[in-house]
């Protein structure tokens, strides 16, 4: 029996000087992100703008424990650049990459 893949959002809340604080760790952070991209587990990621106070990463995988592994290894978390993080399962229902879209005519009422 194979497990079903799901989307997950990893949200980061950064330190007050997030952009400056991440600079010495950015190369290592990006190497980690690309490792997960190459495993087909990370789809998109990037920092928020205006204000630049955190980031969001979209994962697609069977088991969110791999996201927890990512967080433990991420230098942004290890060195306090990220002050808070959360992982949420995300039910995608619309969009060109959606595997099971819900069309308006399929909604009762």
Protein backbone atom coordinates (compact mmCIF):
# COMPACT_ATOMS: atom_id res chain seq x y z
CA UNK A 1 0.00 0.00 0.00
CA UNK A 2 1.46 3.37 -0.98
CA UNK A 3 0.96 6.54 0.98
CA UNK A 4 -0.71 9.56 -0.54
CA UNK A 5 1.28 12.69 -1.15
CA UNK A 6 0.01 15.93 0.36
CA UNK A 7 0.92 19.59 0.19
CA UNK A 8 2.37 21.22 3.30
CA UNK A 9 3.25 24.82 4.03
CA UNK A 10 6.24 25.62 6.21
CA UNK A 11 5.90 29.19 7.49
CA UNK A 12 8.81 31.05 9.03
CA UNK A 13 8.60 34.18 11.16
CA UNK A 14 11.93 35.93 11.08
CA UNK A 15 13.89 37.96 13.56
CA UNK A 16 13.48 41.77 13.41
CA UNK A 17 16.50 42.08 11.10
CA UNK A 18 15.65 38.97 9.09
CA UNK A 19 17.32 39.91 5.78
CA UNK A 20 20.60 40.95 7.40
CA UNK A 21 20.60 38.06 9.89
CA UNK A 22 20.16 35.42 7.20
CA UNK A 23 23.11 36.61 5.06
CA UNK A 24 25.88 34.51 6.71
CA UNK A 25 23.69 31.38 6.56
CA UNK A 26 22.00 31.82 3.19
CA UNK A 27 24.32 29.59 1.15
CA UNK A 28 23.83 26.66 3.55
CA UNK A 29 20.06 27.29 3.70
CA UNK A 30 19.77 27.31 -0.09
CA UNK A 31 21.85 24.11 -0.36
CA UNK A 32 19.38 22.45 2.00
CA UNK A 33 16.37 23.68 0.02
CA UNK A 34 17.82 22.41 -3.26
CA UNK A 35 18.50 19.04 -1.66
CA UNK A 36 14.73 18.73 -1.04
CA UNK A 37 13.93 20.04 -4.54
CA UNK A 38 16.11 17.31 -6.03
CA UNK A 39 14.17 14.73 -3.99
CA UNK A 40 10.93 16.15 -5.50
CA UNK A 41 9.68 17.15 -2.06
CA UNK A 42 10.02 20.95 -2.17
CA UNK A 43 8.02 22.83 -4.83
CA UNK A 44 8.42 26.53 -4.04
CA UNK A 45 9.99 28.71 -1.42
CA UNK A 46 10.91 32.28 -0.75
CA UNK A 47 10.97 35.22 1.63
CA UNK A 48 8.11 37.62 2.16
CA UNK A 49 8.55 41.17 0.90
CA UNK A 50 7.30 44.47 2.30
CA UNK A 51 7.77 43.66 5.10
CA UNK A 52 10.60 41.15 4.75
CA UNK A 53 9.82 39.39 8.01
CA UNK A 54 9.73 35.70 7.19
CA UNK A 55 9.29 33.09 4.49
CA UNK A 56 7.09 30.31 3.15
CA UNK A 57 8.06 26.97 1.65
CA UNK A 58 5.64 24.62 -0.12
CA UNK A 59 6.39 20.91 0.21
CA UNK A 60 4.71 17.97 -1.53
CA UNK A 61 5.38 14.63 0.14
CA UNK A 62 3.91 11.62 1.86
CA UNK A 63 5.23 12.17 5.37
CA UNK A 64 5.62 15.62 6.99
CA UNK A 65 8.34 14.23 9.30
CA UNK A 66 10.75 15.12 6.47
CA UNK A 67 9.77 18.77 6.91
CA UNK A 68 10.65 18.53 10.59
CA UNK A 69 14.03 17.13 9.50
CA UNK A 70 14.41 20.11 7.17
CA UNK A 71 13.66 22.54 10.01
CA UNK A 72 16.13 20.87 12.40
CA UNK A 73 18.87 21.10 9.76
CA UNK A 74 18.07 24.64 8.57
CA UNK A 75 20.73 27.15 9.68
CA UNK A 76 18.08 29.88 9.77
CA UNK A 77 16.41 27.99 12.62
CA UNK A 78 19.63 26.74 14.25
CA UNK A 79 21.14 30.26 14.43
CA UNK A 80 17.98 32.16 15.46
CA UNK A 81 17.26 33.90 12.16
CA UNK A 82 13.83 32.27 12.34
CA UNK A 83 12.03 32.92 15.62
CA UNK A 84 8.92 30.82 14.97
CA UNK A 85 7.94 28.18 12.45
CA UNK A 86 4.85 26.09 11.73
CA UNK A 87 3.90 23.24 9.42
CA UNK A 88 0.36 23.04 8.05
CA UNK A 89 -1.22 20.50 5.74
CA UNK A 90 -2.68 22.34 2.74
CA UNK A 91 -5.64 21.03 0.73
CA UNK A 92 -5.19 22.40 -2.78
CA UNK A 93 -8.46 22.63 -4.75
CA UNK A 94 -7.72 25.03 -7.60
CA UNK A 95 -4.83 25.78 -9.95
CA UNK A 96 -2.97 24.38 -12.90
CA UNK A 97 -0.85 22.06 -10.72
CA UNK A 98 -3.82 20.79 -8.71
CA UNK A 99 -4.25 17.01 -9.01
CA UNK A 100 -7.87 16.96 -7.80
CA UNK A 101 -9.44 20.33 -8.64
CA UNK A 102 -12.92 21.25 -7.48
CA UNK A 103 -14.89 23.07 -10.19
CA UNK A 104 -17.80 25.41 -9.36
CA UNK A 105 -20.35 23.05 -10.95
CA UNK A 106 -19.21 20.29 -8.57
CA UNK A 107 -20.19 22.25 -5.46
CA UNK A 108 -23.70 21.54 -4.19
CA UNK A 109 -26.16 24.40 -4.00
